[in-house]
Amino acid sequence: MKTEWSINLLCAISCKACLILPMVFFTVGADAFILKVALLQMQPDENNVTENLKKAGEFCCRAAERDADIALMPEMWSIGYTRFDPEKPGAREEFYKDALALQDEAVQRFAMLARALDMAIGLTYLEQFEPAPRNTLTLFDRHGEVVFTYAKVHTSDFKPMEASMTPGEGFSTGVLDTRGACSCRCHDMFRQGTSGKRTHSDAPGR
C-alpha cells in the first residue's frame, strides 16, 4: 500500500495554561492521525527547581483536561532557563548544583504523572552529566515509560551558561503508540538545517 505523508497545522487554541496545537501529523492512505500538542506557557520562579516543577505538574493537568496527547515544557524548565553571572566567583558551580538525574524523584514524578493522566510529557531540565550538565528533554509516554532522552546538540556558545554545558551527540526519535515523535531545540533546528553538522565548541566550562 502506498504511504502518503503530510504535516499540516490546523489551528491553535490559546488558554492561560497552554497553547493547544491540533495537528495532522501524517496520513496513511485515507486515514488521518491527529496529534494534539500542548505547549505549556509558564512563567518560571527563576531557578527554583521545586516550584518550577510543581507548576509544570499543574499545567500538565490542565493540558490533559483539554485532551492533549503530549505536553511540552519550555527549554530547560527546571531552572527556568536562568543564567548565571560568569564574573561572579562560584556562580558556575552553584548553577551545576541544580542539575537533576533521570533517576531523581523530581524527574520520575513526571513518569508517574504521565501514567496517571494518560498523556505523554516532555520534561525539560538541567541534567546531571560529566564533565558538565546538559540541556535535556526526557519524553515520557502515556504509560510513564521513557521514549527517549535528548540533549541539545548545538549549544549556544555565545551564552556563558550554554558554553558551560556538555552538548548532546545526536537527535532523537521515538514512537508514541501509533504516532512518531522527534525532538530538537530551536538553535539545533537552525544549525542542522543550514549546515547539516554540529558546529559547537567541544570544550564545556569556559
Protein backbone atom coordinates (compact mmCIF):
# COMPACT_ATOMS: atom_id res chain seq x y z
CA MET A 1 0.00 0.00 0.00
CA LYS A 2 1.34 3.43 -0.91
CA THR A 3 2.02 5.62 2.12
CA GLU A 4 1.37 9.33 1.84
CA TRP A 5 2.88 11.68 4.40
CA SER A 6 1.67 15.17 5.21
CA ILE A 7 2.03 17.59 8.10
CA ASN A 8 -0.47 20.42 8.39
CA LEU A 9 -1.19 22.85 11.20
CA LEU A 10 -4.95 23.07 11.58
CA CYS A 11 -5.43 25.65 14.30
CA ALA A 12 -4.16 26.96 17.61
CA ILE A 13 -6.37 27.33 20.68
CA SER A 14 -4.91 29.62 23.32
CA CYS A 15 -5.67 29.48 27.02
CA LYS A 16 -3.96 30.74 30.17
CA ALA A 17 -2.31 27.41 30.86
CA CYS A 18 -1.19 26.23 27.46
CA LEU A 19 -1.33 26.61 23.74
CA ILE A 20 -3.05 23.57 22.23
CA LEU A 21 -1.93 22.79 18.69
CA PRO A 22 -4.13 20.20 16.94
CA MET A 23 -2.04 18.85 14.06
CA VAL A 24 -2.42 16.35 11.25
CA PHE A 25 0.80 14.52 11.97
CA PHE A 26 0.62 12.19 8.99
CA THR A 27 -1.77 10.36 6.73
CA VAL A 28 -1.53 6.74 5.62
CA GLY A 29 -3.76 6.21 2.62
CA ALA A 30 -7.11 7.69 3.54
CA ASP A 31 -6.55 7.51 7.31
CA ALA A 32 -5.57 10.71 9.15
CA PHE A 33 -3.86 10.59 12.51
CA ILE A 34 -4.30 13.56 14.82
CA LEU A 35 -1.68 14.53 17.39
CA LYS A 36 -2.67 17.21 19.90
CA VAL A 37 0.32 19.01 21.39
CA ALA A 38 0.14 21.31 24.43
CA LEU A 39 2.91 23.90 24.56
CA LEU A 40 2.92 24.89 28.22
CA GLN A 41 3.08 28.66 28.60
CA MET A 42 4.53 29.22 32.07
CA GLN A 43 6.39 31.93 33.96
CA PRO A 44 9.29 30.40 35.93
CA ASP A 45 10.22 31.17 39.52
CA GLU A 46 13.78 31.90 38.38
CA ASN A 47 15.93 28.81 39.13
CA ASN A 48 13.70 27.46 41.91
CA VAL A 49 13.60 23.83 40.75
CA THR A 50 10.95 22.73 43.26
CA GLU A 51 8.49 25.50 42.41
CA ASN A 52 9.10 25.28 38.67
CA LEU A 53 8.42 21.55 38.56
CA LYS A 54 5.38 21.95 40.79
CA LYS A 55 3.95 24.49 38.34
CA ALA A 56 4.77 22.22 35.42
CA GLY A 57 2.78 19.41 37.03
CA GLU A 58 -0.22 21.69 37.46
CA PHE A 59 -0.05 22.83 33.84
CA CYS A 60 0.24 19.24 32.64
CA CYS A 61 -3.03 18.51 34.42
CA ARG A 62 -4.69 21.43 32.65
CA ALA A 63 -3.37 20.19 29.31
CA ALA A 64 -4.78 16.73 29.98
CA GLU A 65 -8.17 18.30 30.73
CA ARG A 66 -8.03 19.69 27.18
CA ASP A 67 -7.33 16.23 25.76
CA ALA A 68 -3.73 16.89 24.78
CA ASP A 69 -1.68 13.89 23.61
CA ILE A 70 1.64 15.46 24.58
CA ALA A 71 2.54 18.29 26.97
CA LEU A 72 5.83 20.03 26.24
CA MET A 73 7.66 22.42 28.58
CA PRO A 74 9.77 25.44 27.65
CA GLU A 75 13.51 24.86 27.25
CA MET A 76 15.35 23.80 30.43
CA TRP A 77 12.24 24.47 32.51
CA SER A 78 13.58 23.02 35.79
CA ILE A 79 15.76 26.11 36.21
CA GLY A 80 13.58 28.46 34.17
CA TYR A 81 16.48 28.89 31.74
CA THR A 82 18.02 31.15 34.38
CA ARG A 83 21.53 32.29 33.53
CA PHE A 84 24.39 32.72 35.99
CA ASP A 85 26.86 35.60 36.20
CA PRO A 86 30.17 34.31 34.78
CA GLU A 87 32.01 37.12 36.54
CA LYS A 88 30.77 36.07 39.96
CA PRO A 89 33.10 33.65 41.78
CA GLY A 90 31.46 30.26 42.33
CA ALA A 91 28.38 31.10 40.22
CA ARG A 92 29.05 28.32 37.70
CA GLU A 93 29.46 25.75 40.47
CA GLU A 94 26.20 26.86 42.10
CA PHE A 95 24.49 26.57 38.72
CA TYR A 96 25.70 22.97 38.39
CA LYS A 97 24.12 22.08 41.75
CA ASP A 98 20.64 22.50 40.26
CA ALA A 99 21.21 19.61 37.82
CA LEU A 100 18.92 16.57 38.08
CA ALA A 101 19.48 12.93 37.18
CA LEU A 102 16.89 10.88 35.30
CA GLN A 103 16.53 8.62 38.33
CA ASP A 104 15.82 11.52 40.72
CA GLU A 105 12.40 11.58 42.35
CA ALA A 106 11.72 15.05 40.91
CA VAL A 107 12.10 13.66 37.39
CA GLN A 108 10.41 10.31 37.98
CA ARG A 109 7.39 12.10 39.38
CA PHE A 110 6.58 13.11 35.79
CA ALA A 111 6.69 9.49 34.70
CA MET A 112 4.01 8.76 37.28
CA LEU A 113 2.07 11.86 36.25
CA ALA A 114 2.14 10.83 32.58
CA ARG A 115 0.74 7.45 33.53
CA ALA A 116 -1.94 8.98 35.75
CA LEU A 117 -3.01 11.49 33.08
CA ASP A 118 -2.73 9.01 30.18
CA MET A 119 -0.72 11.71 28.37
CA ALA A 120 2.87 11.90 27.15
CA ILE A 121 5.03 14.55 28.86
CA GLY A 122 8.19 16.18 27.58
CA LEU A 123 10.15 17.25 30.67
CA THR A 124 12.96 19.76 30.07
CA TYR A 125 15.65 20.12 32.71
CA LEU A 126 19.28 20.73 33.56
CA GLU A 127 20.59 17.15 33.55
CA GLN A 128 23.47 15.83 35.64
CA PHE A 129 26.24 14.79 33.30
CA GLU A 130 30.03 14.62 33.12
CA PRO A 131 32.08 16.70 32.65
CA ALA A 132 29.26 19.29 32.79
CA PRO A 133 25.43 19.24 32.84
CA ARG A 134 23.29 19.04 29.70
CA ASN A 135 20.27 20.93 28.38
CA THR A 136 17.93 17.95 28.23
CA LEU A 137 14.44 16.79 27.33
CA THR A 138 13.12 13.42 28.50
CA LEU A 139 9.93 12.25 26.82
CA PHE A 140 7.69 10.00 28.90
CA ASP A 141 4.92 8.21 27.05
CA ARG A 142 1.39 7.96 28.41
CA HIS A 143 2.37 4.76 30.22
CA GLY A 144 5.15 6.55 32.11
CA GLU A 145 7.95 4.88 30.15
CA VAL A 146 10.94 6.79 28.77
CA VAL A 147 10.69 7.12 24.98
CA PHE A 148 13.98 8.98 24.67
CA THR A 149 16.26 11.44 26.43
CA TYR A 150 17.66 14.13 24.16
CA ALA A 151 20.32 16.72 24.97
CA LYS A 152 20.73 19.93 22.97
CA VAL A 153 23.42 19.37 20.37
CA HIS A 154 24.16 22.86 19.08
CA THR A 155 24.73 24.70 22.34
CA SER A 156 24.81 28.49 22.02
CA ASP A 157 28.41 29.18 22.94
CA PHE A 158 27.86 32.94 22.87
CA LYS A 159 25.94 32.39 26.12
CA PRO A 160 28.22 31.62 29.11
CA MET A 161 25.56 29.31 30.55
CA GLU A 162 25.30 27.08 27.48
CA ALA A 163 29.04 27.28 26.86
CA SER A 164 29.42 25.71 30.30
CA MET A 165 27.37 22.66 29.36
CA THR A 166 28.02 19.33 27.63
CA PRO A 167 26.46 19.21 24.13
CA GLY A 168 24.37 16.25 23.06
CA GLU A 169 25.60 13.79 20.48
CA GLY A 170 22.58 13.35 18.21
CA PHE A 171 18.88 13.77 17.56
CA SER A 172 16.18 11.51 18.94
CA THR A 173 13.06 9.93 17.54
CA GLY A 174 10.53 7.65 19.18
CA VAL A 175 7.08 6.14 18.87
CA LEU A 176 4.07 7.09 20.96
CA ASP A 177 1.58 4.29 20.35
CA THR A 178 0.92 4.66 16.61
CA ARG A 179 2.42 8.12 16.31
CA GLY A 180 6.00 9.26 15.84
CA ALA A 181 7.78 11.90 17.89
CA CYS A 182 11.01 13.79 17.36
CA SER A 183 12.86 16.45 19.33
CA CYS A 184 15.37 19.22 18.79
CA ARG A 185 15.92 22.69 20.24
CA CYS A 186 15.40 25.87 18.20
CA HIS A 187 19.15 26.53 17.79
CA ASP A 188 19.61 22.90 16.76
CA MET A 189 16.93 23.24 14.08
CA PHE A 190 18.63 26.34 12.65
CA ARG A 191 22.16 24.94 12.74
CA GLN A 192 21.20 21.49 11.48
CA GLY A 193 19.12 22.99 8.71
CA THR A 194 21.84 25.34 7.47
CA SER A 195 24.98 23.30 7.96
CA GLY A 196 23.85 19.71 8.43
CA LYS A 197 26.50 19.16 11.09
CA ARG A 198 27.49 20.13 14.61
CA THR A 199 29.39 23.40 14.84
CA HIS A 200 29.58 23.95 18.61
CA SER A 201 32.81 24.02 20.59
CA ASP A 202 33.68 20.72 22.25
CA ALA A 203 35.11 22.36 25.34
CA PRO A 204 32.48 22.98 28.06
CA GLY A 205 33.22 25.02 31.14
CA ARG A 206 34.75 28.12 29.56
